[in-house]
Amino acid sequence: MPMSLDEILSEAIILPVEAKAILAEQLIESIGADIESQVSSYQLAEVKRRRDELRSGKIESINGEEALAKVRDLVTNYRRSR
């Protein structure tokens, strides 16, 4: 039978400091891997949604240079207004 979370925590707390640090690092890395796969799924879904909007004519694309110019203008105007 697998250990419960409380049992695992009780065992982890009595580990030497270095072992706790290694355990914490590995747990954080495993969470990061799970989050990365979820983010990738969300990003892919967003890309597909935007592609479908473009194909359907719901939205229009703009030139990359034009988009960057608009962003630069927004940033410049924001800085001036502060």
C-alpha atoms as a PDB file:
ATOM      1  CA  MET A   1       0.000   0.000   0.000  1.00  0.00           C
ATOM      2  CA  PRO A   2       1.427   3.431  -0.939  1.00  0.00           C
ATOM      3  CA  MET A   3       2.350   5.880   1.798  1.00  0.00           C
ATOM      4  CA  SER A   4      -0.064   8.706   2.570  1.00  0.00           C
ATOM      5  CA  LEU A   5       0.951  12.316   2.148  1.00  0.00           C
ATOM      6  CA  ASP A   6       1.159  12.681   5.946  1.00  0.00           C
ATOM      7  CA  GLU A   7       3.467   9.658   6.161  1.00  0.00           C
ATOM      8  CA  ILE A   8       5.703  11.000   3.403  1.00  0.00           C
ATOM      9  CA  LEU A   9       5.866  14.406   5.098  1.00  0.00           C
ATOM     10  CA  SER A  10       6.694  12.826   8.468  1.00  0.00           C
ATOM     11  CA  GLU A  11       9.559  10.917   6.859  1.00  0.00           C
ATOM     12  CA  ALA A  12      10.781  13.931   4.870  1.00  0.00           C
ATOM     13  CA  ILE A  13      10.895  16.214   7.907  1.00  0.00           C
ATOM     14  CA  ILE A  14      13.418  14.013   9.692  1.00  0.00           C
ATOM     15  CA  LEU A  15      15.805  13.916   6.727  1.00  0.00           C
ATOM     16  CA  PRO A  16      19.145  15.741   6.947  1.00  0.00           C
ATOM     17  CA  VAL A  17      19.081  19.282   5.556  1.00  0.00           C
ATOM     18  CA  GLU A  18      20.963  18.355   2.375  1.00  0.00           C
ATOM     19  CA  ALA A  19      18.544  15.507   1.622  1.00  0.00           C
ATOM     20  CA  LYS A  20      15.579  17.846   2.219  1.00  0.00           C
ATOM     21  CA  ALA A  21      17.068  20.348  -0.219  1.00  0.00           C
ATOM     22  CA  ILE A  22      17.530  17.655  -2.869  1.00  0.00           C
ATOM     23  CA  LEU A  23      13.980  16.400  -2.314  1.00  0.00           C
ATOM     24  CA  ALA A  24      12.547  19.926  -2.526  1.00  0.00           C
ATOM     25  CA  GLU A  25      14.509  20.631  -5.700  1.00  0.00           C
ATOM     26  CA  GLN A  26      13.281  17.437  -7.344  1.00  0.00           C
ATOM     27  CA  LEU A  27       9.668  18.129  -6.323  1.00  0.00           C
ATOM     28  CA  ILE A  28       9.868  21.651  -7.768  1.00  0.00           C
ATOM     29  CA  GLU A  29      11.339  20.304 -11.009  1.00  0.00           C
ATOM     30  CA  SER A  30       8.529  17.756 -11.295  1.00  0.00           C
ATOM     31  CA  ILE A  31       5.928  20.486 -10.802  1.00  0.00           C
ATOM     32  CA  GLY A  32       7.647  22.573 -13.465  1.00  0.00           C
ATOM     33  CA  ALA A  33       7.461  19.699 -15.943  1.00  0.00           C
ATOM     34  CA  ASP A  34       3.726  19.276 -15.283  1.00  0.00           C
ATOM     35  CA  ILE A  35       3.097  22.991 -15.650  1.00  0.00           C
ATOM     36  CA  GLU A  36       5.133  23.156 -18.868  1.00  0.00           C
ATOM     37  CA  SER A  37       3.046  20.431 -20.489  1.00  0.00           C
ATOM     38  CA  GLN A  38      -0.175  22.187 -19.423  1.00  0.00           C
ATOM     39  CA  VAL A  39       1.087  25.529 -20.705  1.00  0.00           C
ATOM     40  CA  SER A  40       2.084  23.924 -23.984  1.00  0.00           C
ATOM     41  CA  SER A  41      -1.445  22.523 -24.335  1.00  0.00           C
ATOM     42  CA  TYR A  42      -2.965  25.950 -23.630  1.00  0.00           C
ATOM     43  CA  GLN A  43      -0.568  27.619 -26.058  1.00  0.00           C
ATOM     44  CA  LEU A  44      -1.408  25.125 -28.786  1.00  0.00           C
ATOM     45  CA  ALA A  45      -5.135  25.650 -28.193  1.00  0.00           C
ATOM     46  CA  GLU A  46      -4.650  29.424 -28.426  1.00  0.00           C
ATOM     47  CA  VAL A  47      -2.662  29.114 -31.655  1.00  0.00           C
ATOM     48  CA  LYS A  48      -5.404  26.944 -33.178  1.00  0.00           C
ATOM     49  CA  ARG A  49      -8.113  29.383 -32.029  1.00  0.00           C
ATOM     50  CA  ARG A  50      -6.303  32.309 -33.623  1.00  0.00           C
ATOM     51  CA  ARG A  51      -5.656  30.340 -36.813  1.00  0.00           C
ATOM     52  CA  ASP A  52      -9.355  29.513 -37.059  1.00  0.00           C
ATOM     53  CA  GLU A  53     -10.297  33.171 -36.532  1.00  0.00           C
ATOM     54  CA  LEU A  54      -7.944  34.178 -39.346  1.00  0.00           C
ATOM     55  CA  ARG A  55      -9.269  31.510 -41.681  1.00  0.00           C
ATOM     56  CA  SER A  56     -12.887  32.410 -40.993  1.00  0.00           C
ATOM     57  CA  GLY A  57     -12.245  36.107 -41.607  1.00  0.00           C
ATOM     58  CA  LYS A  58     -13.311  37.013 -38.069  1.00  0.00           C
ATOM     59  CA  ILE A  59      -9.992  38.817 -37.653  1.00  0.00           C
ATOM     60  CA  GLU A  60      -7.370  40.134 -40.052  1.00  0.00           C
ATOM     61  CA  SER A  61      -3.639  39.811 -39.718  1.00  0.00           C
ATOM     62  CA  ILE A  62      -1.335  42.803 -39.790  1.00  0.00           C
ATOM     63  CA  ASN A  63       2.265  43.139 -40.901  1.00  0.00           C
ATOM     64  CA  GLY A  64       4.811  42.425 -38.153  1.00  0.00           C
ATOM     65  CA  GLU A  65       6.583  45.736 -38.687  1.00  0.00           C
ATOM     66  CA  GLU A  66       3.264  47.561 -38.391  1.00  0.00           C
ATOM     67  CA  ALA A  67       2.432  45.714 -35.178  1.00  0.00           C
ATOM     68  CA  LEU A  68       5.818  46.562 -33.639  1.00  0.00           C
ATOM     69  CA  ALA A  69       5.414  50.213 -34.619  1.00  0.00           C
ATOM     70  CA  LYS A  70       2.031  50.314 -32.860  1.00  0.00           C
ATOM     71  CA  VAL A  71       3.509  48.748 -29.731  1.00  0.00           C
ATOM     72  CA  ARG A  72       6.397  51.208 -29.742  1.00  0.00           C
ATOM     73  CA  ASP A  73       3.944  54.106 -30.057  1.00  0.00           C
ATOM     74  CA  LEU A  74       1.865  52.778 -27.169  1.00  0.00           C
ATOM     75  CA  VAL A  75       4.935  52.406 -24.955  1.00  0.00           C
ATOM     76  CA  THR A  76       6.238  55.859 -25.876  1.00  0.00           C
ATOM     77  CA  ASN A  77       2.866  57.496 -25.221  1.00  0.00           C
ATOM     78  CA  TYR A  78       2.521  55.629 -21.930  1.00  0.00           C
ATOM     79  CA  ARG A  79       5.937  56.818 -20.760  1.00  0.00           C
ATOM     80  CA  ARG A  80       5.108  60.405 -21.717  1.00  0.00           C
ATOM     81  CA  SER A  81       1.818  60.328 -19.831  1.00  0.00           C
ATOM     82  CA  ARG A  82       3.453  59.341 -16.564  1.00  0.00           C
END
